């Protein structure tokens, strides 16, 4: 037996080829998961905005149509406008939560 301690088999000395491979892998991962730019943020705001606006406008349009066809004591327009807004906000919230979970999962995979 020798007097100097030996390394466990799982801990190998870093090699030049191993260092290069690790750096290449980090670069490829960074390219795949590039930080979103300004245009991505604006596009995201646009998608969220449209996911709220479209149901709201559809509810208002249906309410106007119902008010013309079946007038009553209560306004269909106001009721369906609020319903469309509620559905749109819920839709946007679900979509943002899904995107946040996906980003968190990607970040955990990278760590």
PDB file of N, CA and C in Angstrom:
ATOM      1  N   UNK A   1       0.824  -1.183   0.000  1.00  0.00           N
ATOM      2  CA  UNK A   1       0.000   0.000   0.000  1.00  0.00           C
ATOM      3  C   UNK A   1       0.863   1.240   0.000  1.00  0.00           C
ATOM      4  N   UNK A   2       0.336   2.255  -0.632  1.00  0.00           N
ATOM      5  CA  UNK A   2       1.096   3.500  -0.675  1.00  0.00           C
ATOM      6  C   UNK A   2       0.606   4.436   0.419  1.00  0.00           C
ATOM      7  N   UNK A   3       1.423   5.439   0.717  1.00  0.00           N
ATOM      8  CA  UNK A   3       1.092   6.356   1.796  1.00  0.00           C
ATOM      9  C   UNK A   3       0.181   7.500   1.354  1.00  0.00           C
ATOM     10  N   UNK A   4       0.036   7.729   0.071  1.00  0.00           N
ATOM     11  CA  UNK A   4      -0.798   8.846  -0.369  1.00  0.00           C
ATOM     12  C   UNK A   4      -2.233   8.374  -0.602  1.00  0.00           C
ATOM     13  N   UNK A   5      -3.204   9.264  -0.249  1.00  0.00           N
ATOM     14  CA  UNK A   5      -4.615   8.866  -0.381  1.00  0.00           C
ATOM     15  C   UNK A   5      -5.000   8.774  -1.856  1.00  0.00           C
ATOM     16  N   UNK A   6      -5.886   7.884  -2.123  1.00  0.00           N
ATOM     17  CA  UNK A   6      -6.379   7.720  -3.502  1.00  0.00           C
ATOM     18  C   UNK A   6      -7.740   8.374  -3.626  1.00  0.00           C
ATOM     19  N   UNK A   7      -8.061   8.782  -4.820  1.00  0.00           N
ATOM     20  CA  UNK A   7      -9.358   9.404  -5.086  1.00  0.00           C
ATOM     21  C   UNK A   7     -10.409   8.331  -5.288  1.00  0.00           C
ATOM     22  N   UNK A   8     -11.614   8.610  -4.863  1.00  0.00           N
ATOM     23  CA  UNK A   8     -12.681   7.640  -5.139  1.00  0.00           C
ATOM     24  C   UNK A   8     -12.889   7.554  -6.648  1.00  0.00           C
ATOM     25  N   UNK A   9     -13.349   6.426  -7.147  1.00  0.00           N
ATOM     26  CA  UNK A   9     -13.509   6.254  -8.590  1.00  0.00           C
ATOM     27  C   UNK A   9     -14.498   7.230  -9.212  1.00  0.00           C
ATOM     28  N   UNK A  10     -15.498   7.736  -8.444  1.00  0.00           N
ATOM     29  CA  UNK A  10     -16.485   8.641  -9.018  1.00  0.00           C
ATOM     30  C   UNK A  10     -15.929  10.053  -9.183  1.00  0.00           C
ATOM     31  N   UNK A  11     -14.901  10.418  -8.458  1.00  0.00           N
ATOM     32  CA  UNK A  11     -14.306  11.753  -8.544  1.00  0.00           C
ATOM     33  C   UNK A  11     -13.050  11.679  -9.395  1.00  0.00           C
ATOM     34  N   UNK A  12     -13.176  12.049 -10.640  1.00  0.00           N
ATOM     35  CA  UNK A  12     -12.023  12.029 -11.524  1.00  0.00           C
ATOM     36  C   UNK A  12     -11.452  13.423 -11.666  1.00  0.00           C
ATOM     37  N   UNK A  13     -10.197  13.470 -11.966  1.00  0.00           N
ATOM     38  CA  UNK A  13      -9.537  14.758 -12.171  1.00  0.00           C
ATOM     39  C   UNK A  13     -10.106  15.397 -13.435  1.00  0.00           C
ATOM     40  N   UNK A  14     -10.356  16.714 -13.395  1.00  0.00           N
ATOM     41  CA  UNK A  14     -10.863  17.373 -14.594  1.00  0.00           C
ATOM     42  C   UNK A  14      -9.819  17.311 -15.708  1.00  0.00           C
ATOM     43  N   UNK A  15     -10.309  17.048 -16.887  1.00  0.00           N
ATOM     44  CA  UNK A  15      -9.423  16.986 -18.047  1.00  0.00           C
ATOM     45  C   UNK A  15      -9.741  18.158 -18.960  1.00  0.00           C
ATOM     46  N   UNK A  16      -8.831  18.435 -19.835  1.00  0.00           N
ATOM     47  CA  UNK A  16      -9.038  19.530 -20.788  1.00  0.00           C
ATOM     48  C   UNK A  16     -10.263  19.239 -21.654  1.00  0.00           C
ATOM     49  N   UNK A  17     -10.368  18.002 -22.138  1.00  0.00           N
ATOM     50  CA  UNK A  17     -11.514  17.635 -22.983  1.00  0.00           C
ATOM     51  C   UNK A  17     -12.822  17.746 -22.198  1.00  0.00           C
ATOM     52  N   UNK A  18     -12.793  17.362 -20.926  1.00  0.00           N
ATOM     53  CA  UNK A  18     -13.994  17.475 -20.097  1.00  0.00           C
ATOM     54  C   UNK A  18     -14.394  18.917 -19.874  1.00  0.00           C
ATOM     55  N   UNK A  19     -13.408  19.792 -19.650  1.00  0.00           N
ATOM     56  CA  UNK A  19     -13.691  21.215 -19.470  1.00  0.00           C
ATOM     57  C   UNK A  19     -14.294  21.824 -20.732  1.00  0.00           C
ATOM     58  N   UNK A  20     -13.712  21.471 -21.873  1.00  0.00           N
ATOM     59  CA  UNK A  20     -14.211  21.994 -23.142  1.00  0.00           C
ATOM     60  C   UNK A  20     -15.637  21.500 -23.389  1.00  0.00           C
ATOM     61  N   UNK A  21     -15.897  20.227 -23.123  1.00  0.00           N
ATOM     62  CA  UNK A  21     -17.241  19.683 -23.312  1.00  0.00           C
ATOM     63  C   UNK A  21     -18.249  20.367 -22.389  1.00  0.00           C
ATOM     64  N   UNK A  22     -17.857  20.620 -21.143  1.00  0.00           N
ATOM     65  CA  UNK A  22     -18.762  21.286 -20.209  1.00  0.00           C
ATOM     66  C   UNK A  22     -19.075  22.716 -20.657  1.00  0.00           C
ATOM     67  N   UNK A  23     -18.063  23.430 -21.127  1.00  0.00           N
ATOM     68  CA  UNK A  23     -18.291  24.804 -21.609  1.00  0.00           C
ATOM     69  C   UNK A  23     -19.168  24.807 -22.853  1.00  0.00           C
ATOM     70  N   UNK A  24     -18.939  23.851 -23.743  1.00  0.00           N
ATOM     71  CA  UNK A  24     -19.762  23.764 -24.953  1.00  0.00           C
ATOM     72  C   UNK A  24     -21.211  23.472 -24.587  1.00  0.00           C
ATOM     73  N   UNK A  25     -21.430  22.602 -23.630  1.00  0.00           N
ATOM     74  CA  UNK A  25     -22.788  22.282 -23.189  1.00  0.00           C
ATOM     75  C   UNK A  25     -23.468  23.498 -22.574  1.00  0.00           C
ATOM     76  N   UNK A  26     -22.734  24.263 -21.774  1.00  0.00           N
ATOM     77  CA  UNK A  26     -23.293  25.482 -21.186  1.00  0.00           C
ATOM     78  C   UNK A  26     -23.665  26.495 -22.261  1.00  0.00           C
ATOM     79  N   UNK A  27     -22.818  26.630 -23.281  1.00  0.00           N
ATOM     80  CA  UNK A  27     -23.122  27.577 -24.364  1.00  0.00           C
ATOM     81  C   UNK A  27     -24.356  27.141 -25.137  1.00  0.00           C
ATOM     82  N   UNK A  28     -24.455  25.862 -25.438  1.00  0.00           N
ATOM     83  CA  UNK A  28     -25.624  25.364 -26.160  1.00  0.00           C
ATOM     84  C   UNK A  28     -26.894  25.547 -25.338  1.00  0.00           C
ATOM     85  N   UNK A  29     -26.823  25.288 -24.039  1.00  0.00           N
ATOM     86  CA  UNK A  29     -27.981  25.478 -23.170  1.00  0.00           C
ATOM     87  C   UNK A  29     -28.375  26.945 -23.123  1.00  0.00           C
ATOM     88  N   UNK A  30     -27.385  27.839 -23.075  1.00  0.00           N
ATOM     89  CA  UNK A  30     -27.674  29.280 -23.039  1.00  0.00           C
ATOM     90  C   UNK A  30     -28.328  29.736 -24.344  1.00  0.00           C
ATOM     91  N   UNK A  31     -27.901  29.170 -25.456  1.00  0.00           N
ATOM     92  CA  UNK A  31     -28.523  29.538 -26.734  1.00  0.00           C
ATOM     93  C   UNK A  31     -29.958  29.037 -26.815  1.00  0.00           C
ATOM     94  N   UNK A  32     -30.203  27.834 -26.306  1.00  0.00           N
ATOM     95  CA  UNK A  32     -31.565  27.289 -26.336  1.00  0.00           C
ATOM     96  C   UNK A  32     -32.485  28.084 -25.437  1.00  0.00           C
ATOM     97  N   UNK A  33     -31.986  28.534 -24.314  1.00  0.00           N
ATOM     98  CA  UNK A  33     -32.802  29.256 -23.330  1.00  0.00           C
ATOM     99  C   UNK A  33     -32.346  30.703 -23.237  1.00  0.00           C
ATOM    100  N   UNK A  34     -32.285  31.353 -24.371  1.00  0.00           N
ATOM    101  CA  UNK A  34     -31.836  32.747 -24.387  1.00  0.00           C
ATOM    102  C   UNK A  34     -32.833  33.621 -23.636  1.00  0.00           C
ATOM    103  N   UNK A  35     -32.339  34.650 -23.022  1.00  0.00           N
ATOM    104  CA  UNK A  35     -33.198  35.578 -22.283  1.00  0.00           C
ATOM    105  C   UNK A  35     -34.127  36.287 -23.262  1.00  0.00           C
ATOM    106  N   UNK A  36     -35.399  36.355 -22.930  1.00  0.00           N
ATOM    107  CA  UNK A  36     -36.334  37.019 -23.826  1.00  0.00           C
ATOM    108  C   UNK A  36     -36.031  38.507 -23.935  1.00  0.00           C
ATOM    109  N   UNK A  37     -36.233  39.037 -25.123  1.00  0.00           N
ATOM    110  CA  UNK A  37     -35.948  40.438 -25.365  1.00  0.00           C
ATOM    111  C   UNK A  37     -37.170  41.319 -25.173  1.00  0.00           C
ATOM    112  N   UNK A  38     -37.014  42.558 -25.571  1.00  0.00           N
ATOM    113  CA  UNK A  38     -38.086  43.540 -25.441  1.00  0.00           C
ATOM    114  C   UNK A  38     -39.292  43.145 -26.296  1.00  0.00           C
ATOM    115  N   UNK A  39     -39.035  42.674 -27.507  1.00  0.00           N
ATOM    116  CA  UNK A  39     -40.141  42.312 -28.395  1.00  0.00           C
ATOM    117  C   UNK A  39     -40.933  41.141 -27.845  1.00  0.00           C
ATOM    118  N   UNK A  40     -40.231  40.210 -27.188  1.00  0.00           N
ATOM    119  CA  UNK A  40     -40.929  39.087 -26.568  1.00  0.00           C
ATOM    120  C   UNK A  40     -41.868  39.591 -25.474  1.00  0.00           C
ATOM    121  N   UNK A  41     -41.384  40.521 -24.660  1.00  0.00           N
ATOM    122  CA  UNK A  41     -42.214  41.085 -23.595  1.00  0.00           C
ATOM    123  C   UNK A  41     -43.424  41.824 -24.145  1.00  0.00           C
ATOM    124  N   UNK A  42     -43.217  42.594 -25.212  1.00  0.00           N
ATOM    125  CA  UNK A  42     -44.350  43.306 -25.824  1.00  0.00           C
ATOM    126  C   UNK A  42     -45.351  42.334 -26.429  1.00  0.00           C
ATOM    127  N   UNK A  43     -44.837  41.295 -27.052  1.00  0.00           N
ATOM    128  CA  UNK A  43     -45.728  40.281 -27.614  1.00  0.00           C
ATOM    129  C   UNK A  43     -46.522  39.573 -26.533  1.00  0.00           C
ATOM    130  N   UNK A  44     -45.868  39.302 -25.412  1.00  0.00           N
ATOM    131  CA  UNK A  44     -46.543  38.650 -24.290  1.00  0.00           C
ATOM    132  C   UNK A  44     -47.657  39.535 -23.749  1.00  0.00           C
ATOM    133  N   UNK A  45     -47.370  40.836 -23.611  1.00  0.00           N
ATOM    134  CA  UNK A  45     -48.410  41.757 -23.142  1.00  0.00           C
ATOM    135  C   UNK A  45     -49.561  41.808 -24.133  1.00  0.00           C
ATOM    136  N   UNK A  46     -49.236  41.758 -25.421  1.00  0.00           N
ATOM    137  CA  UNK A  46     -50.283  41.763 -26.434  1.00  0.00           C
ATOM    138  C   UNK A  46     -51.167  40.529 -26.350  1.00  0.00           C
ATOM    139  N   UNK A  47     -50.554  39.375 -26.156  1.00  0.00           N
ATOM    140  CA  UNK A  47     -51.338  38.144 -26.034  1.00  0.00           C
ATOM    141  C   UNK A  47     -52.236  38.171 -24.806  1.00  0.00           C
ATOM    142  N   UNK A  48     -51.698  38.631 -23.705  1.00  0.00           N
ATOM    143  CA  UNK A  48     -52.497  38.712 -22.482  1.00  0.00           C
ATOM    144  C   UNK A  48     -53.630  39.717 -22.676  1.00  0.00           C
ATOM    145  N   UNK A  49     -53.322  40.845 -23.291  1.00  0.00           N
ATOM    146  CA  UNK A  49     -54.348  41.857 -23.542  1.00  0.00           C
ATOM    147  C   UNK A  49     -55.470  41.335 -24.419  1.00  0.00           C
ATOM    148  N   UNK A  50     -55.106  40.673 -25.499  1.00  0.00           N
ATOM    149  CA  UNK A  50     -56.133  40.139 -26.397  1.00  0.00           C
ATOM    150  C   UNK A  50     -56.939  39.032 -25.741  1.00  0.00           C
ATOM    151  N   UNK A  51     -56.305  38.246 -24.869  1.00  0.00           N
ATOM    152  CA  UNK A  51     -57.051  37.174 -24.209  1.00  0.00           C
ATOM    153  C   UNK A  51     -58.094  37.740 -23.244  1.00  0.00           C
ATOM    154  N   UNK A  52     -57.944  38.992 -22.820  1.00  0.00           N
ATOM    155  CA  UNK A  52     -58.950  39.649 -21.982  1.00  0.00           C
ATOM    156  C   UNK A  52     -59.946  40.418 -22.846  1.00  0.00           C
ATOM    157  N   UNK A  53     -59.457  41.103 -23.866  1.00  0.00           N
ATOM    158  CA  UNK A  53     -60.311  41.977 -24.680  1.00  0.00           C
ATOM    159  C   UNK A  53     -61.328  41.195 -25.508  1.00  0.00           C
ATOM    160  N   UNK A  54     -60.897  40.106 -26.123  1.00  0.00           N
ATOM    161  CA  UNK A  54     -61.797  39.373 -27.028  1.00  0.00           C
ATOM    162  C   UNK A  54     -63.044  38.854 -26.302  1.00  0.00           C
ATOM    163  N   UNK A  55     -62.923  38.130 -25.177  1.00  0.00           N
ATOM    164  CA  UNK A  55     -64.158  37.705 -24.502  1.00  0.00           C
ATOM    165  C   UNK A  55     -65.010  38.868 -24.002  1.00  0.00           C
ATOM    166  N   UNK A  56     -64.360  39.957 -23.599  1.00  0.00           N
ATOM    167  CA  UNK A  56     -65.110  41.124 -23.126  1.00  0.00           C
ATOM    168  C   UNK A  56     -65.945  41.719 -24.253  1.00  0.00           C
ATOM    169  N   UNK A  57     -65.326  41.898 -25.414  1.00  0.00           N
ATOM    170  CA  UNK A  57     -66.057  42.459 -26.553  1.00  0.00           C
ATOM    171  C   UNK A  57     -67.139  41.507 -27.064  1.00  0.00           C
ATOM    172  N   UNK A  58     -66.844  40.215 -27.062  1.00  0.00           N
ATOM    173  CA  UNK A  58     -67.867  39.243 -27.474  1.00  0.00           C
ATOM    174  C   UNK A  58     -69.061  39.276 -26.521  1.00  0.00           C
ATOM    175  N   UNK A  59     -68.800  39.385 -25.226  1.00  0.00           N
ATOM    176  CA  UNK A  59     -69.888  39.489 -24.256  1.00  0.00           C
ATOM    177  C   UNK A  59     -70.703  40.756 -24.459  1.00  0.00           C
ATOM    178  N   UNK A  60     -70.026  41.869 -24.710  1.00  0.00           N
ATOM    179  CA  UNK A  60     -70.741  43.130 -24.944  1.00  0.00           C
ATOM    180  C   UNK A  60     -71.573  43.060 -26.221  1.00  0.00           C
ATOM    181  N   UNK A  61     -71.019  42.482 -27.278  1.00  0.00           N
ATOM    182  CA  UNK A  61     -71.753  42.379 -28.546  1.00  0.00           C
ATOM    183  C   UNK A  61     -72.978  41.482 -28.390  1.00  0.00           C
ATOM    184  N   UNK A  62     -72.818  40.358 -27.711  1.00  0.00           N
ATOM    185  CA  UNK A  62     -73.958  39.477 -27.485  1.00  0.00           C
ATOM    186  C   UNK A  62     -75.001  40.168 -26.611  1.00  0.00           C
ATOM    187  N   UNK A  63     -74.551  40.925 -25.616  1.00  0.00           N
ATOM    188  CA  UNK A  63     -75.472  41.665 -24.756  1.00  0.00           C
ATOM    189  C   UNK A  63     -76.249  42.725 -25.523  1.00  0.00           C
ATOM    190  N   UNK A  64     -75.575  43.453 -26.414  1.00  0.00           N
ATOM    191  CA  UNK A  64     -76.278  44.445 -27.243  1.00  0.00           C
ATOM    192  C   UNK A  64     -77.333  43.777 -28.114  1.00  0.00           C
ATOM    193  N   UNK A  65     -76.968  42.657 -28.699  1.00  0.00           N
ATOM    194  CA  UNK A  65     -77.910  41.927 -29.563  1.00  0.00           C
ATOM    195  C   UNK A  65     -79.126  41.468 -28.752  1.00  0.00           C
ATOM    196  N   UNK A  66     -78.871  40.917 -27.541  1.00  0.00           N
ATOM    197  CA  UNK A  66     -79.984  40.460 -26.701  1.00  0.00           C
ATOM    198  C   UNK A  66     -80.843  41.625 -26.228  1.00  0.00           C
ATOM    199  N   UNK A  67     -80.237  42.773 -25.914  1.00  0.00           N
ATOM    200  CA  UNK A  67     -81.008  43.947 -25.488  1.00  0.00           C
ATOM    201  C   UNK A  67     -81.923  44.443 -26.598  1.00  0.00           C
ATOM    202  N   UNK A  68     -81.472  44.356 -27.836  1.00  0.00           N
ATOM    203  CA  UNK A  68     -82.321  44.778 -28.969  1.00  0.00           C
ATOM    204  C   UNK A  68     -83.457  43.786 -29.206  1.00  0.00           C
ATOM    205  N   UNK A  69     -83.149  42.507 -29.086  1.00  0.00           N
ATOM    206  CA  UNK A  69     -84.149  41.463 -29.372  1.00  0.00           C
ATOM    207  C   UNK A  69     -85.121  41.264 -28.217  1.00  0.00           C
ATOM    208  N   UNK A  70     -84.609  41.292 -26.999  1.00  0.00           N
ATOM    209  CA  UNK A  70     -85.432  40.994 -25.822  1.00  0.00           C
ATOM    210  C   UNK A  70     -85.195  42.050 -24.738  1.00  0.00           C
ATOM    211  N   UNK A  71     -85.745  43.257 -24.927  1.00  0.00           N
ATOM    212  CA  UNK A  71     -85.538  44.300 -23.920  1.00  0.00           C
ATOM    213  C   UNK A  71     -86.205  43.896 -22.600  1.00  0.00           C
ATOM    214  N   UNK A  72     -85.562  44.282 -21.521  1.00  0.00           N
ATOM    215  CA  UNK A  72     -86.107  43.945 -20.203  1.00  0.00           C
ATOM    216  C   UNK A  72     -85.676  44.965 -19.177  1.00  0.00           C
ATOM    217  N   UNK A  73     -85.923  44.632 -17.943  1.00  0.00           N
ATOM    218  CA  UNK A  73     -85.598  45.544 -16.851  1.00  0.00           C
ATOM    219  C   UNK A  73     -84.093  45.599 -16.607  1.00  0.00           C
ATOM    220  N   UNK A  74     -83.409  44.501 -16.878  1.00  0.00           N
ATOM    221  CA  UNK A  74     -81.965  44.440 -16.642  1.00  0.00           C
ATOM    222  C   UNK A  74     -81.211  44.464 -17.971  1.00  0.00           C
ATOM    223  N   UNK A  75     -80.042  45.023 -17.937  1.00  0.00           N
ATOM    224  CA  UNK A  75     -79.223  45.159 -19.144  1.00  0.00           C
ATOM    225  C   UNK A  75     -78.404  43.889 -19.390  1.00  0.00           C
ATOM    226  N   UNK A  76     -78.682  43.244 -20.516  1.00  0.00           N
ATOM    227  CA  UNK A  76     -77.872  42.101 -20.926  1.00  0.00           C
ATOM    228  C   UNK A  76     -76.451  42.551 -21.259  1.00  0.00           C
ATOM    229  N   UNK A  77     -76.332  43.736 -21.811  1.00  0.00           N
ATOM    230  CA  UNK A  77     -75.023  44.227 -22.220  1.00  0.00           C
ATOM    231  C   UNK A  77     -74.072  44.314 -21.034  1.00  0.00           C
ATOM    232  N   UNK A  78     -74.539  44.922 -19.965  1.00  0.00           N
ATOM    233  CA  UNK A  78     -73.689  45.066 -18.783  1.00  0.00           C
ATOM    234  C   UNK A  78     -73.363  43.712 -18.156  1.00  0.00           C
ATOM    235  N   UNK A  79     -74.356  42.852 -18.064  1.00  0.00           N
ATOM    236  CA  UNK A  79     -74.136  41.540 -17.446  1.00  0.00           C
ATOM    237  C   UNK A  79     -73.144  40.708 -18.258  1.00  0.00           C
ATOM    238  N   UNK A  80     -73.313  40.680 -19.573  1.00  0.00           N
ATOM    239  CA  UNK A  80     -72.420  39.869 -20.403  1.00  0.00           C
ATOM    240  C   UNK A  80     -71.053  40.527 -20.590  1.00  0.00           C
ATOM    241  N   UNK A  81     -70.994  41.845 -20.479  1.00  0.00           N
ATOM    242  CA  UNK A  81     -69.704  42.530 -20.502  1.00  0.00           C
ATOM    243  C   UNK A  81     -68.875  42.108 -19.283  1.00  0.00           C
ATOM    244  N   UNK A  82     -69.496  42.089 -18.121  1.00  0.00           N
ATOM    245  CA  UNK A  82     -68.805  41.671 -16.895  1.00  0.00           C
ATOM    246  C   UNK A  82     -68.439  40.189 -16.975  1.00  0.00           C
ATOM    247  N   UNK A  83     -69.346  39.371 -17.510  1.00  0.00           N
ATOM    248  CA  UNK A  83     -69.053  37.944 -17.650  1.00  0.00           C
ATOM    249  C   UNK A  83     -67.876  37.722 -18.601  1.00  0.00           C
ATOM    250  N   UNK A  84     -67.866  38.442 -19.715  1.00  0.00           N
ATOM    251  CA  UNK A  84     -66.751  38.322 -20.657  1.00  0.00           C
ATOM    252  C   UNK A  84     -65.441  38.794 -20.056  1.00  0.00           C
ATOM    253  N   UNK A  85     -65.484  39.865 -19.301  1.00  0.00           N
ATOM    254  CA  UNK A  85     -64.281  40.363 -18.634  1.00  0.00           C
ATOM    255  C   UNK A  85     -63.765  39.347 -17.616  1.00  0.00           C
ATOM    256  N   UNK A  86     -64.672  38.753 -16.867  1.00  0.00           N
ATOM    257  CA  UNK A  86     -64.288  37.736 -15.885  1.00  0.00           C
ATOM    258  C   UNK A  86     -63.649  36.534 -16.568  1.00  0.00           C
ATOM    259  N   UNK A  87     -64.266  36.056 -17.628  1.00  0.00           N
ATOM    260  CA  UNK A  87     -63.721  34.916 -18.371  1.00  0.00           C
ATOM    261  C   UNK A  87     -62.365  35.271 -18.975  1.00  0.00           C
ATOM    262  N   UNK A  88     -62.239  36.460 -19.522  1.00  0.00           N
ATOM    263  CA  UNK A  88     -60.972  36.889 -20.105  1.00  0.00           C
ATOM    264  C   UNK A  88     -59.852  36.983 -19.080  1.00  0.00           C
ATOM    265  N   UNK A  89     -60.152  37.540 -17.905  1.00  0.00           N
ATOM    266  CA  UNK A  89     -59.138  37.638 -16.848  1.00  0.00           C
ATOM    267  C   UNK A  89     -58.743  36.258 -16.343  1.00  0.00           C
ATOM    268  N   UNK A  90     -59.713  35.372 -16.179  1.00  0.00           N
ATOM    269  CA  UNK A  90     -59.405  34.005 -15.749  1.00  0.00           C
ATOM    270  C   UNK A  90     -58.535  33.304 -16.783  1.00  0.00           C
ATOM    271  N   UNK A  91     -58.867  33.481 -18.066  1.00  0.00           N
ATOM    272  CA  UNK A  91     -58.094  32.888 -19.161  1.00  0.00           C
ATOM    273  C   UNK A  91     -56.646  33.409 -19.147  1.00  0.00           C
ATOM    274  N   UNK A  92     -56.472  34.699 -19.004  1.00  0.00           N
ATOM    275  CA  UNK A  92     -55.129  35.288 -18.965  1.00  0.00           C
ATOM    276  C   UNK A  92     -54.362  34.788 -17.748  1.00  0.00           C
ATOM    277  N   UNK A  93     -55.010  34.690 -16.604  1.00  0.00           N
ATOM    278  CA  UNK A  93     -54.359  34.214 -15.400  1.00  0.00           C
ATOM    279  C   UNK A  93     -53.885  32.775 -15.565  1.00  0.00           C
ATOM    280  N   UNK A  94     -54.733  31.928 -16.143  1.00  0.00           N
ATOM    281  CA  UNK A  94     -54.353  30.530 -16.376  1.00  0.00           C
ATOM    282  C   UNK A  94     -53.165  30.442 -17.328  1.00  0.00           C
ATOM    283  N   UNK A  95     -53.181  31.240 -18.376  1.00  0.00           N
ATOM    284  CA  UNK A  95     -52.115  31.199 -19.369  1.00  0.00           C
ATOM    285  C   UNK A  95     -50.790  31.666 -18.764  1.00  0.00           C
ATOM    286  N   UNK A  96     -50.830  32.731 -17.976  1.00  0.00           N
ATOM    287  CA  UNK A  96     -49.612  33.244 -17.345  1.00  0.00           C
ATOM    288  C   UNK A  96     -49.088  32.236 -16.321  1.00  0.00           C
ATOM    289  N   UNK A  97     -49.967  31.609 -15.561  1.00  0.00           N
ATOM    290  CA  UNK A  97     -49.538  30.599 -14.584  1.00  0.00           C
ATOM    291  C   UNK A  97     -48.877  29.422 -15.291  1.00  0.00           C
ATOM    292  N   UNK A  98     -49.423  29.021 -16.424  1.00  0.00           N
ATOM    293  CA  UNK A  98     -48.835  27.914 -17.195  1.00  0.00           C
ATOM    294  C   UNK A  98     -47.444  28.285 -17.699  1.00  0.00           C
ATOM    295  N   UNK A  99     -47.290  29.491 -18.212  1.00  0.00           N
ATOM    296  CA  UNK A  99     -45.988  29.942 -18.699  1.00  0.00           C
ATOM    297  C   UNK A  99     -44.980  30.054 -17.554  1.00  0.00           C
ATOM    298  N   UNK A 100     -45.443  30.520 -16.400  1.00  0.00           N
ATOM    299  CA  UNK A 100     -44.548  30.640 -15.250  1.00  0.00           C
ATOM    300  C   UNK A 100     -44.068  29.259 -14.793  1.00  0.00           C
ATOM    301  N   UNK A 101     -44.987  28.282 -14.768  1.00  0.00           N
ATOM    302  CA  UNK A 101     -44.590  26.922 -14.394  1.00  0.00           C
ATOM    303  C   UNK A 101     -43.575  26.363 -15.381  1.00  0.00           C
ATOM    304  N   UNK A 102     -43.787  26.603 -16.673  1.00  0.00           N
ATOM    305  CA  UNK A 102     -42.850  26.107 -17.685  1.00  0.00           C
ATOM    306  C   UNK A 102     -41.478  26.748 -17.524  1.00  0.00           C
ATOM    307  N   UNK A 103     -41.434  28.051 -17.245  1.00  0.00           N
ATOM    308  CA  UNK A 103     -40.152  28.730 -17.045  1.00  0.00           C
ATOM    309  C   UNK A 103     -39.457  28.215 -15.790  1.00  0.00           C
ATOM    310  N   UNK A 104     -40.222  27.979 -14.717  1.00  0.00           N
ATOM    311  CA  UNK A 104     -39.641  27.463 -13.486  1.00  0.00           C
ATOM    312  C   UNK A 104     -39.093  26.046 -13.697  1.00  0.00           C
ATOM    313  N   UNK A 105     -39.827  25.213 -14.447  1.00  0.00           N
ATOM    314  CA  UNK A 105     -39.354  23.866 -14.734  1.00  0.00           C
ATOM    315  C   UNK A 105     -38.080  23.885 -15.575  1.00  0.00           C
ATOM    316  N   UNK A 106     -38.024  24.776 -16.568  1.00  0.00           N
ATOM    317  CA  UNK A 106     -36.806  24.908 -17.383  1.00  0.00           C
ATOM    318  C   UNK A 106     -35.624  25.339 -16.533  1.00  0.00           C
ATOM    319  N   UNK A 107     -35.872  26.268 -15.605  1.00  0.00           N
ATOM    320  CA  UNK A 107     -34.801  26.755 -14.754  1.00  0.00           C
ATOM    321  C   UNK A 107     -34.302  25.649 -13.827  1.00  0.00           C
ATOM    322  N   UNK A 108     -35.215  24.841 -13.301  1.00  0.00           N
ATOM    323  CA  UNK A 108     -34.808  23.739 -12.440  1.00  0.00           C
ATOM    324  C   UNK A 108     -34.040  22.683 -13.225  1.00  0.00           C
ATOM    325  N   UNK A 109     -34.417  22.453 -14.485  1.00  0.00           N
ATOM    326  CA  UNK A 109     -33.700  21.499 -15.325  1.00  0.00           C
ATOM    327  C   UNK A 109     -32.278  21.972 -15.597  1.00  0.00           C
ATOM    328  N   UNK A 110     -32.100  23.289 -15.727  1.00  0.00           N
ATOM    329  CA  UNK A 110     -30.771  23.837 -15.997  1.00  0.00           C
ATOM    330  C   UNK A 110     -29.875  23.767 -14.767  1.00  0.00           C
ATOM    331  N   UNK A 111     -30.488  23.827 -13.586  1.00  0.00           N
ATOM    332  CA  UNK A 111     -29.686  23.779 -12.357  1.00  0.00           C
ATOM    333  C   UNK A 111     -29.286  22.366 -12.094  1.00  0.00           C
TER     334      UNK A 111
END
